[in-house]
Amino acid sequence: MRSELFAHFFLFYPFLFKEQGRCNDMSDEAVLNKVIELAEPILEEQGLELVDIEFFSQGSEWLLRLFIDKPGGVNLDDCADCSRELSLILDVEEVIEVAYRLEVSSPGIDRPLKKEADFERFKGEMVRAKTLQAIDPDLRGYQRKTFIGELLGLEDDVVFIEQNDKEGGRVELPLDSLETINLEPQF
């Protein structure tokens, strides 16, 4: 059952998935997987892709948030249309047994790269990668967690970035060492 329905368009990427409690007998992962299974055909029909999904409690309220995109970016109408269609199917399927709010939004200008196809699509774009632990990729004795540069690609689960800061040079970061990797807005 849904308590409210909103379509939002953000110009930033909000905080990452936070689990603060349980909502029903299904595991949170099972809820997310079922929502993804139901959402992807709706999105594909509209020429949209699912970038990310979050399901978490915020105080006493549960929030289901989907981030969608398409080449050229999404607009408020895309978010509203997707929200309307998805809310109908979620109500019929009764995937979530507690009251929740559904939000559908853009991933923002600093969109996260989540899928293998993202690394191909955004090759040549500026990215910011943050590692889980500080590393010294060029063995110069300088450890850090943040790497900014041009995305060269992804091969064998290794991300290649050409840095353009004082350290410079190409860095190779294994996917499993990354906390996040996002597009880096250029102004």
N, C-alpha and C. Protein backbone atom coordinates (compact mmCIF):
# COMPACT_ATOMS: atom_id res chain seq x y z
N MET A 1 0.84 -1.18 0.00
CA MET A 1 0.00 0.00 0.00
C MET A 1 0.88 1.24 0.00
N ARG A 2 0.48 2.24 -0.71
CA ARG A 2 1.27 3.43 -0.89
C ARG A 2 0.59 4.58 -0.16
N SER A 3 1.36 5.38 0.54
CA SER A 3 0.78 6.51 1.24
C SER A 3 0.77 7.76 0.38
N GLU A 4 1.79 7.92 -0.46
CA GLU A 4 1.89 9.11 -1.30
C GLU A 4 2.57 8.73 -2.60
N LEU A 5 2.38 9.53 -3.64
CA LEU A 5 3.02 9.32 -4.93
C LEU A 5 3.58 10.63 -5.40
N PHE A 6 4.90 10.67 -5.66
CA PHE A 6 5.55 11.89 -6.11
C PHE A 6 6.47 11.57 -7.27
N ALA A 7 6.63 12.48 -8.18
CA ALA A 7 7.69 12.40 -9.19
C ALA A 7 8.62 13.57 -8.91
N HIS A 8 9.89 13.30 -8.78
CA HIS A 8 10.87 14.34 -8.49
C HIS A 8 11.93 14.36 -9.57
N PHE A 9 12.48 15.50 -9.83
CA PHE A 9 13.59 15.66 -10.76
C PHE A 9 14.69 16.36 -10.01
N PHE A 10 15.80 15.66 -9.76
CA PHE A 10 16.90 16.22 -8.99
C PHE A 10 18.04 16.60 -9.92
N LEU A 11 18.81 17.58 -9.55
CA LEU A 11 20.01 17.94 -10.28
C LEU A 11 21.25 17.46 -9.56
N PHE A 12 21.07 16.52 -8.65
CA PHE A 12 22.19 15.94 -7.92
C PHE A 12 21.87 14.49 -7.64
N TYR A 13 22.89 13.72 -7.33
CA TYR A 13 22.70 12.33 -6.98
C TYR A 13 22.62 12.22 -5.46
N PRO A 14 21.48 11.82 -4.92
CA PRO A 14 21.34 11.76 -3.47
C PRO A 14 22.16 10.63 -2.85
N PHE A 15 22.05 10.55 -1.52
CA PHE A 15 22.82 9.59 -0.76
C PHE A 15 22.57 8.16 -1.22
N LEU A 16 23.49 7.29 -0.89
CA LEU A 16 23.42 5.90 -1.32
C LEU A 16 22.43 5.11 -0.47
N PHE A 17 22.15 3.88 -0.91
CA PHE A 17 21.21 2.99 -0.24
C PHE A 17 21.49 2.90 1.25
N LYS A 18 20.47 3.11 2.04
CA LYS A 18 20.60 3.00 3.49
C LYS A 18 19.48 2.09 4.00
N GLU A 19 19.84 1.06 4.70
CA GLU A 19 18.85 0.18 5.28
C GLU A 19 18.76 0.48 6.77
N GLN A 20 17.56 0.83 7.23
CA GLN A 20 17.39 1.17 8.64
C GLN A 20 16.32 0.32 9.31
N GLY A 21 15.94 -0.75 8.69
CA GLY A 21 14.92 -1.58 9.29
C GLY A 21 14.33 -2.51 8.27
N ARG A 22 13.43 -3.35 8.69
CA ARG A 22 12.78 -4.30 7.79
C ARG A 22 11.36 -3.86 7.57
N CYS A 23 10.85 -4.14 6.39
CA CYS A 23 9.50 -3.68 6.08
C CYS A 23 8.51 -4.82 5.96
N ASN A 24 8.96 -6.01 5.61
CA ASN A 24 8.02 -7.12 5.43
C ASN A 24 8.77 -8.44 5.50
N ASP A 25 8.07 -9.52 5.16
CA ASP A 25 8.68 -10.85 5.25
C ASP A 25 9.70 -11.10 4.14
N MET A 26 9.55 -10.42 3.01
CA MET A 26 10.53 -10.56 1.94
C MET A 26 11.80 -9.83 2.35
N SER A 27 12.94 -10.34 1.94
CA SER A 27 14.18 -9.62 2.21
C SER A 27 14.19 -8.34 1.38
N ASP A 28 14.94 -7.36 1.85
CA ASP A 28 15.03 -6.11 1.11
C ASP A 28 15.56 -6.36 -0.30
N GLU A 29 16.50 -7.29 -0.43
CA GLU A 29 17.05 -7.62 -1.75
C GLU A 29 15.97 -8.22 -2.64
N ALA A 30 15.12 -9.07 -2.08
CA ALA A 30 14.03 -9.67 -2.86
C ALA A 30 13.04 -8.60 -3.30
N VAL A 31 12.76 -7.63 -2.44
CA VAL A 31 11.87 -6.52 -2.81
C VAL A 31 12.47 -5.74 -3.96
N LEU A 32 13.75 -5.39 -3.84
CA LEU A 32 14.41 -4.64 -4.91
C LEU A 32 14.42 -5.43 -6.21
N ASN A 33 14.73 -6.72 -6.14
CA ASN A 33 14.75 -7.54 -7.35
C ASN A 33 13.39 -7.61 -8.01
N LYS A 34 12.33 -7.73 -7.22
CA LYS A 34 10.97 -7.78 -7.77
C LYS A 34 10.60 -6.44 -8.40
N VAL A 35 10.95 -5.34 -7.75
CA VAL A 35 10.67 -4.01 -8.31
C VAL A 35 11.42 -3.84 -9.62
N ILE A 36 12.67 -4.26 -9.67
CA ILE A 36 13.45 -4.17 -10.91
C ILE A 36 12.79 -4.99 -12.01
N GLU A 37 12.38 -6.20 -11.67
CA GLU A 37 11.72 -7.09 -12.63
C GLU A 37 10.46 -6.44 -13.21
N LEU A 38 9.71 -5.75 -12.37
CA LEU A 38 8.48 -5.09 -12.82
C LEU A 38 8.76 -3.77 -13.55
N ALA A 39 9.79 -3.06 -13.13
CA ALA A 39 10.07 -1.73 -13.67
C ALA A 39 10.73 -1.76 -15.04
N GLU A 40 11.65 -2.68 -15.25
CA GLU A 40 12.44 -2.64 -16.49
C GLU A 40 11.61 -2.70 -17.76
N PRO A 41 10.58 -3.56 -17.86
CA PRO A 41 9.77 -3.54 -19.09
C PRO A 41 9.03 -2.21 -19.30
N ILE A 42 8.57 -1.61 -18.23
CA ILE A 42 7.89 -0.31 -18.32
C ILE A 42 8.87 0.75 -18.82
N LEU A 43 10.06 0.74 -18.27
CA LEU A 43 11.07 1.72 -18.67
C LEU A 43 11.50 1.51 -20.11
N GLU A 44 11.75 0.26 -20.50
CA GLU A 44 12.18 -0.03 -21.87
C GLU A 44 11.14 0.43 -22.87
N GLU A 45 9.87 0.22 -22.54
CA GLU A 45 8.77 0.65 -23.41
C GLU A 45 8.80 2.16 -23.65
N GLN A 46 9.29 2.91 -22.67
CA GLN A 46 9.36 4.37 -22.77
C GLN A 46 10.74 4.86 -23.23
N GLY A 47 11.62 3.92 -23.59
CA GLY A 47 12.96 4.30 -24.04
C GLY A 47 13.86 4.75 -22.90
N LEU A 48 13.57 4.29 -21.69
CA LEU A 48 14.32 4.69 -20.50
C LEU A 48 15.12 3.51 -19.95
N GLU A 49 16.11 3.82 -19.14
CA GLU A 49 16.86 2.77 -18.45
C GLU A 49 16.85 3.02 -16.95
N LEU A 50 16.90 1.95 -16.19
CA LEU A 50 17.00 2.04 -14.74
C LEU A 50 18.48 2.16 -14.39
N VAL A 51 18.85 3.28 -13.77
CA VAL A 51 20.24 3.53 -13.39
C VAL A 51 20.51 2.97 -12.00
N ASP A 52 19.61 3.22 -11.07
CA ASP A 52 19.81 2.79 -9.69
C ASP A 52 18.46 2.73 -8.99
N ILE A 53 18.43 2.04 -7.87
CA ILE A 53 17.21 1.91 -7.08
C ILE A 53 17.59 1.88 -5.61
N GLU A 54 16.78 2.51 -4.79
CA GLU A 54 16.99 2.54 -3.34
C GLU A 54 15.66 2.23 -2.66
N PHE A 55 15.73 1.49 -1.56
CA PHE A 55 14.56 1.24 -0.73
C PHE A 55 15.03 1.30 0.71
N PHE A 56 14.51 2.26 1.47
CA PHE A 56 15.00 2.45 2.83
C PHE A 56 13.94 3.18 3.65
N SER A 57 14.12 3.11 4.98
CA SER A 57 13.23 3.86 5.86
C SER A 57 13.90 5.18 6.20
N GLN A 58 13.07 6.20 6.29
CA GLN A 58 13.52 7.54 6.65
C GLN A 58 12.63 7.95 7.81
N GLY A 59 13.13 7.74 9.01
CA GLY A 59 12.27 7.91 10.18
C GLY A 59 11.24 6.80 10.18
N SER A 60 9.97 7.15 10.24
CA SER A 60 8.91 6.15 10.24
C SER A 60 8.38 5.89 8.83
N GLU A 61 8.93 6.57 7.84
CA GLU A 61 8.43 6.46 6.47
C GLU A 61 9.37 5.61 5.61
N TRP A 62 8.79 4.79 4.74
CA TRP A 62 9.57 4.01 3.79
C TRP A 62 9.58 4.73 2.45
N LEU A 63 10.72 4.66 1.77
CA LEU A 63 10.88 5.37 0.50
C LEU A 63 11.45 4.41 -0.54
N LEU A 64 10.79 4.33 -1.68
CA LEU A 64 11.29 3.58 -2.83
C LEU A 64 11.66 4.62 -3.88
N ARG A 65 12.94 4.68 -4.22
CA ARG A 65 13.44 5.72 -5.13
C ARG A 65 14.11 5.04 -6.32
N LEU A 66 13.67 5.42 -7.52
CA LEU A 66 14.27 4.92 -8.75
C LEU A 66 14.91 6.07 -9.49
N PHE A 67 16.09 5.82 -10.06
CA PHE A 67 16.79 6.79 -10.88
C PHE A 67 16.76 6.28 -12.31
N ILE A 68 16.23 7.10 -13.22
CA ILE A 68 16.09 6.70 -14.61
C ILE A 68 16.85 7.66 -15.51
N ASP A 69 17.16 7.19 -16.72
CA ASP A 69 17.88 8.04 -17.66
C ASP A 69 17.60 7.57 -19.07
N LYS A 70 17.98 8.39 -20.03
CA LYS A 70 17.94 8.05 -21.45
C LYS A 70 18.94 8.96 -22.14
N PRO A 71 19.37 8.58 -23.35
CA PRO A 71 20.27 9.48 -24.07
C PRO A 71 19.65 10.87 -24.19
N GLY A 72 20.41 11.88 -23.86
CA GLY A 72 19.89 13.25 -23.88
C GLY A 72 19.29 13.67 -22.56
N GLY A 73 19.13 12.72 -21.62
CA GLY A 73 18.60 13.04 -20.30
C GLY A 73 17.09 12.91 -20.21
N VAL A 74 16.60 12.80 -18.99
CA VAL A 74 15.16 12.70 -18.75
C VAL A 74 14.62 14.05 -18.31
N ASN A 75 13.31 14.20 -18.46
CA ASN A 75 12.67 15.43 -18.00
C ASN A 75 11.59 15.06 -16.99
N LEU A 76 10.92 16.06 -16.49
CA LEU A 76 9.90 15.84 -15.46
C LEU A 76 8.77 14.96 -15.96
N ASP A 77 8.37 15.11 -17.22
CA ASP A 77 7.30 14.27 -17.77
C ASP A 77 7.71 12.80 -17.80
N ASP A 78 8.97 12.52 -18.16
CA ASP A 78 9.45 11.14 -18.15
C ASP A 78 9.32 10.54 -16.75
N CYS A 79 9.73 11.31 -15.75
CA CYS A 79 9.67 10.84 -14.36
C CYS A 79 8.23 10.62 -13.92
N ALA A 80 7.36 11.56 -14.25
CA ALA A 80 5.95 11.47 -13.84
C ALA A 80 5.26 10.29 -14.53
N ASP A 81 5.49 10.11 -15.83
CA ASP A 81 4.87 8.99 -16.56
C ASP A 81 5.32 7.65 -16.00
N CYS A 82 6.61 7.53 -15.76
CA CYS A 82 7.15 6.29 -15.19
C CYS A 82 6.57 6.04 -13.80
N SER A 83 6.50 7.08 -12.99
CA SER A 83 5.98 6.96 -11.64
C SER A 83 4.53 6.48 -11.65
N ARG A 84 3.71 7.06 -12.54
CA ARG A 84 2.30 6.66 -12.64
C ARG A 84 2.17 5.19 -13.01
N GLU A 85 2.87 4.78 -14.06
CA GLU A 85 2.76 3.39 -14.52
C GLU A 85 3.30 2.40 -13.50
N LEU A 86 4.44 2.74 -12.91
CA LEU A 86 5.05 1.84 -11.94
C LEU A 86 4.20 1.72 -10.68
N SER A 87 3.61 2.82 -10.23
CA SER A 87 2.80 2.75 -9.01
C SER A 87 1.59 1.84 -9.21
N LEU A 88 1.01 1.85 -10.40
CA LEU A 88 -0.13 0.97 -10.67
C LEU A 88 0.27 -0.50 -10.57
N ILE A 89 1.36 -0.86 -11.20
CA ILE A 89 1.79 -2.26 -11.18
C ILE A 89 2.25 -2.69 -9.80
N LEU A 90 2.91 -1.80 -9.07
CA LEU A 90 3.34 -2.15 -7.71
C LEU A 90 2.14 -2.36 -6.79
N ASP A 91 1.08 -1.57 -6.98
CA ASP A 91 -0.13 -1.75 -6.19
C ASP A 91 -0.80 -3.09 -6.50
N VAL A 92 -0.87 -3.45 -7.78
CA VAL A 92 -1.50 -4.71 -8.19
C VAL A 92 -0.69 -5.90 -7.66
N GLU A 93 0.61 -5.84 -7.81
CA GLU A 93 1.48 -6.95 -7.40
C GLU A 93 1.70 -7.02 -5.89
N GLU A 94 1.42 -5.95 -5.17
CA GLU A 94 1.60 -5.88 -3.71
C GLU A 94 2.98 -6.36 -3.28
N VAL A 95 4.00 -5.81 -3.93
CA VAL A 95 5.38 -6.19 -3.64
C VAL A 95 5.81 -5.68 -2.27
N ILE A 96 5.37 -4.49 -1.91
CA ILE A 96 5.77 -3.86 -0.65
C ILE A 96 4.55 -3.80 0.25
N GLU A 97 4.67 -4.40 1.42
CA GLU A 97 3.52 -4.57 2.31
C GLU A 97 3.30 -3.42 3.28
N VAL A 98 4.14 -2.41 3.25
CA VAL A 98 3.98 -1.27 4.15
C VAL A 98 3.73 -0.02 3.31
N ALA A 99 3.22 1.01 3.97
CA ALA A 99 3.05 2.29 3.29
C ALA A 99 4.43 2.82 2.90
N TYR A 100 4.53 3.35 1.70
CA TYR A 100 5.81 3.88 1.23
C TYR A 100 5.54 5.02 0.26
N ARG A 101 6.58 5.78 0.00
CA ARG A 101 6.49 6.85 -0.99
C ARG A 101 7.37 6.44 -2.17
N LEU A 102 6.84 6.61 -3.37
CA LEU A 102 7.58 6.30 -4.59
C LEU A 102 8.11 7.60 -5.18
N GLU A 103 9.41 7.63 -5.46
CA GLU A 103 10.03 8.77 -6.13
C GLU A 103 10.77 8.25 -7.35
N VAL A 104 10.60 8.95 -8.46
CA VAL A 104 11.32 8.62 -9.69
C VAL A 104 12.04 9.89 -10.11
N SER A 105 13.35 9.79 -10.33
CA SER A 105 14.11 11.00 -10.65
C SER A 105 15.26 10.70 -11.60
N SER A 106 15.86 11.77 -12.06
CA SER A 106 17.08 11.70 -12.86
C SER A 106 18.24 11.32 -11.95
N PRO A 107 19.27 10.66 -12.48
CA PRO A 107 20.44 10.39 -11.65
C PRO A 107 21.30 11.63 -11.44
N GLY A 108 21.00 12.70 -12.14
CA GLY A 108 21.73 13.95 -11.97
C GLY A 108 22.93 14.06 -12.89
N ILE A 109 23.58 15.21 -12.84
CA ILE A 109 24.71 15.45 -13.73
C ILE A 109 25.95 14.68 -13.30
N ASP A 110 25.96 14.20 -12.07
CA ASP A 110 27.08 13.37 -11.61
C ASP A 110 26.64 11.91 -11.48
N ARG A 111 25.96 11.46 -12.51
CA ARG A 111 25.39 10.12 -12.58
C ARG A 111 26.41 9.04 -12.21
N PRO A 112 25.99 8.05 -11.43
CA PRO A 112 26.89 6.94 -11.12
C PRO A 112 27.00 5.99 -12.32
N LEU A 113 28.13 5.35 -12.45
CA LEU A 113 28.31 4.32 -13.47
C LEU A 113 28.12 2.98 -12.76
N LYS A 114 27.10 2.25 -13.15
CA LYS A 114 26.73 1.02 -12.44
C LYS A 114 26.86 -0.23 -13.31
N LYS A 115 26.58 -0.09 -14.60
CA LYS A 115 26.54 -1.25 -15.48
C LYS A 115 27.73 -1.22 -16.43
N GLU A 116 28.08 -2.39 -16.94
CA GLU A 116 29.19 -2.47 -17.88
C GLU A 116 28.95 -1.55 -19.08
N ALA A 117 27.70 -1.48 -19.54
CA ALA A 117 27.37 -0.62 -20.68
C ALA A 117 27.63 0.86 -20.38
N ASP A 118 27.53 1.26 -19.11
CA ASP A 118 27.79 2.66 -18.74
C ASP A 118 29.24 3.04 -19.06
N PHE A 119 30.16 2.11 -18.84
CA PHE A 119 31.57 2.40 -19.06
C PHE A 119 31.88 2.58 -20.55
N GLU A 120 31.13 1.89 -21.39
CA GLU A 120 31.29 2.07 -22.84
C GLU A 120 30.61 3.37 -23.28
N ARG A 121 29.40 3.59 -22.79
CA ARG A 121 28.63 4.78 -23.17
C ARG A 121 29.34 6.08 -22.80
N PHE A 122 29.99 6.09 -21.65
CA PHE A 122 30.61 7.32 -21.16
C PHE A 122 32.13 7.35 -21.34
N LYS A 123 32.65 6.47 -22.18
CA LYS A 123 34.08 6.48 -22.50
C LYS A 123 34.43 7.85 -23.08
N GLY A 124 35.52 8.43 -22.58
CA GLY A 124 35.93 9.76 -23.04
C GLY A 124 35.41 10.89 -22.17
N GLU A 125 34.48 10.58 -21.26
CA GLU A 125 33.93 11.58 -20.34
C GLU A 125 34.80 11.65 -19.08
N MET A 126 34.69 12.76 -18.37
CA MET A 126 35.40 12.91 -17.10
C MET A 126 34.64 12.17 -16.00
N VAL A 127 35.39 11.46 -15.15
CA VAL A 127 34.79 10.71 -14.04
C VAL A 127 35.56 10.98 -12.76
N ARG A 128 34.89 10.71 -11.64
CA ARG A 128 35.50 10.75 -10.31
C ARG A 128 35.30 9.36 -9.70
N ALA A 129 36.40 8.68 -9.43
CA ALA A 129 36.34 7.35 -8.82
C ALA A 129 36.85 7.44 -7.39
N LYS A 130 36.12 6.83 -6.47
CA LYS A 130 36.55 6.76 -5.07
C LYS A 130 36.74 5.30 -4.71
N THR A 131 37.91 5.00 -4.16
CA THR A 131 38.21 3.63 -3.78
C THR A 131 37.81 3.38 -2.33
N LEU A 132 37.62 2.11 -2.00
CA LEU A 132 37.25 1.74 -0.63
C LEU A 132 38.37 2.04 0.35
N GLN A 133 39.60 1.83 -0.10
CA GLN A 133 40.77 2.10 0.74
C GLN A 133 41.77 2.92 -0.07
N ALA A 134 42.57 3.70 0.62
CA ALA A 134 43.60 4.49 -0.06
C ALA A 134 44.59 3.55 -0.74
N ILE A 135 44.95 3.89 -1.97
CA ILE A 135 45.89 3.07 -2.72
C ILE A 135 46.96 3.95 -3.37
N ASP A 136 48.04 3.34 -3.75
CA ASP A 136 49.15 4.01 -4.45
C ASP A 136 49.26 3.35 -5.83
N PRO A 137 48.45 3.81 -6.80
CA PRO A 137 48.37 3.11 -8.08
C PRO A 137 49.64 3.15 -8.92
N ASP A 138 50.44 4.19 -8.77
CA ASP A 138 51.66 4.29 -9.59
C ASP A 138 52.93 4.01 -8.78
N LEU A 139 52.75 3.52 -7.55
CA LEU A 139 53.86 3.11 -6.68
C LEU A 139 54.87 4.23 -6.43
N ARG A 140 54.37 5.45 -6.24
CA ARG A 140 55.24 6.59 -5.95
C ARG A 140 55.25 6.95 -4.46
N GLY A 141 54.58 6.15 -3.65
CA GLY A 141 54.55 6.41 -2.22
C GLY A 141 53.46 7.39 -1.80
N TYR A 142 52.53 7.70 -2.69
CA TYR A 142 51.46 8.64 -2.39
C TYR A 142 50.12 7.91 -2.50
N GLN A 143 49.50 7.67 -1.34
CA GLN A 143 48.23 6.96 -1.33
C GLN A 143 47.07 7.94 -1.34
N ARG A 144 46.02 7.56 -2.05
CA ARG A 144 44.81 8.38 -2.07
C ARG A 144 43.61 7.52 -2.43
N LYS A 145 42.43 8.11 -2.23
CA LYS A 145 41.18 7.39 -2.48
C LYS A 145 40.40 7.96 -3.66
N THR A 146 40.72 9.16 -4.12
CA THR A 146 39.94 9.81 -5.18
C THR A 146 40.80 10.00 -6.42
N PHE A 147 40.23 9.62 -7.55
CA PHE A 147 40.92 9.73 -8.84
C PHE A 147 39.97 10.39 -9.83
N ILE A 148 40.42 11.48 -10.46
CA ILE A 148 39.61 12.22 -11.41
C ILE A 148 40.34 12.23 -12.75
N GLY A 149 39.60 11.95 -13.80
CA GLY A 149 40.20 11.98 -15.13
C GLY A 149 39.26 11.47 -16.19
N GLU A 150 39.81 11.30 -17.38
CA GLU A 150 39.02 10.83 -18.52
C GLU A 150 38.86 9.31 -18.45
N LEU A 151 37.63 8.85 -18.58
CA LEU A 151 37.36 7.41 -18.58
C LEU A 151 37.84 6.83 -19.90
N LEU A 152 38.79 5.91 -19.81
CA LEU A 152 39.31 5.25 -21.01
C LEU A 152 38.56 3.97 -21.31
N GLY A 153 37.93 3.39 -20.28
CA GLY A 153 37.14 2.19 -20.51
C GLY A 153 37.22 1.21 -19.35
N LEU A 154 36.60 0.06 -19.59
CA LEU A 154 36.55 -1.04 -18.63
C LEU A 154 36.94 -2.31 -19.37
N GLU A 155 37.90 -3.04 -18.81
CA GLU A 155 38.32 -4.29 -19.43
C GLU A 155 38.69 -5.27 -18.33
N ASP A 156 38.11 -6.46 -18.40
CA ASP A 156 38.39 -7.51 -17.40
C ASP A 156 38.20 -7.00 -15.98
N ASP A 157 37.11 -6.28 -15.74
CA ASP A 157 36.75 -5.74 -14.42
C ASP A 157 37.78 -4.76 -13.87
N VAL A 158 38.51 -4.09 -14.76
CA VAL A 158 39.45 -3.04 -14.37
C VAL A 158 39.06 -1.76 -15.10
N VAL A 159 38.93 -0.67 -14.35
CA VAL A 159 38.58 0.64 -14.91
C VAL A 159 39.88 1.38 -15.23
N PHE A 160 39.95 1.95 -16.43
CA PHE A 160 41.13 2.70 -16.86
C PHE A 160 40.76 4.18 -16.94
N ILE A 161 41.54 5.01 -16.24
CA ILE A 161 41.31 6.45 -16.18
C ILE A 161 42.61 7.17 -16.50
N GLU A 162 42.54 8.16 -17.38
CA GLU A 162 43.69 9.03 -17.66
C GLU A 162 43.53 10.26 -16.78
N GLN A 163 44.36 10.36 -15.74
CA GLN A 163 44.26 11.47 -14.80
C GLN A 163 44.79 12.75 -15.43
N ASN A 164 44.19 13.85 -15.03
CA ASN A 164 44.65 15.14 -15.55
C ASN A 164 45.01 16.10 -14.43
N ASP A 165 45.35 15.53 -13.27
CA ASP A 165 45.76 16.38 -12.14
C ASP A 165 47.28 16.37 -12.05
N LYS A 166 47.81 16.88 -10.95
CA LYS A 166 49.27 16.97 -10.81
C LYS A 166 49.95 15.60 -10.82
N GLU A 167 49.21 14.56 -10.41
CA GLU A 167 49.78 13.21 -10.44
C GLU A 167 49.85 12.71 -11.88
N GLY A 168 48.82 13.04 -12.67
CA GLY A 168 48.78 12.67 -14.08
C GLY A 168 48.94 11.18 -14.32
N GLY A 169 48.87 10.83 -15.57
CA GLY A 169 49.09 9.45 -15.96
C GLY A 169 47.85 8.59 -15.89
N ARG A 170 48.01 7.42 -16.44
CA ARG A 170 46.92 6.44 -16.50
C ARG A 170 46.89 5.63 -15.22
N VAL A 171 45.68 5.43 -14.70
CA VAL A 171 45.52 4.62 -13.50
C VAL A 171 44.57 3.47 -13.82
N GLU A 172 44.85 2.31 -13.23
CA GLU A 172 44.02 1.12 -13.40
C GLU A 172 43.44 0.76 -12.04
N LEU A 173 42.11 0.76 -11.97
CA LEU A 173 41.43 0.50 -10.70
C LEU A 173 40.50 -0.70 -10.86
N PRO A 174 40.76 -1.79 -10.13
CA PRO A 174 39.84 -2.93 -10.18
C PRO A 174 38.45 -2.51 -9.69
N LEU A 175 37.41 -3.00 -10.37
CA LEU A 175 36.04 -2.65 -9.99
C LEU A 175 35.76 -2.94 -8.52
N ASP A 176 36.26 -4.07 -8.01
CA ASP A 176 35.98 -4.42 -6.62
C ASP A 176 36.70 -3.54 -5.61
N SER A 177 37.59 -2.65 -6.08
CA SER A 177 38.25 -1.71 -5.17
C SER A 177 37.51 -0.38 -5.09
N LEU A 178 36.47 -0.21 -5.93
CA LEU A 178 35.77 1.07 -6.00
C LEU A 178 34.59 1.14 -5.05
N GLU A 179 34.49 2.27 -4.37
CA GLU A 179 33.30 2.57 -3.58
C GLU A 179 32.25 3.18 -4.50
N THR A 180 32.66 4.17 -5.31
CA THR A 180 31.77 4.80 -6.28
C THR A 180 32.58 5.24 -7.49
N ILE A 181 31.88 5.37 -8.60
CA ILE A 181 32.45 6.03 -9.78
C ILE A 181 31.31 6.78 -10.45
N ASN A 182 31.51 8.08 -10.59
CA ASN A 182 30.47 8.96 -11.12
C ASN A 182 31.02 9.83 -12.22
N LEU A 183 30.12 10.32 -13.08
CA LEU A 183 30.52 11.34 -14.03
C LEU A 183 30.93 12.58 -13.25
N GLU A 184 31.94 13.28 -13.74
CA GLU A 184 32.44 14.49 -13.08
C GLU A 184 31.99 15.68 -13.93
N PRO A 185 31.03 16.47 -13.42
CA PRO A 185 30.53 17.60 -14.20
C PRO A 185 31.64 18.59 -14.55
N GLN A 186 31.60 19.10 -15.76
CA GLN A 186 32.57 20.09 -16.23
C GLN A 186 31.83 21.40 -16.45
N PHE A 187 32.27 22.46 -15.82
CA PHE A 187 31.61 23.76 -15.96
C PHE A 187 32.51 24.74 -16.66
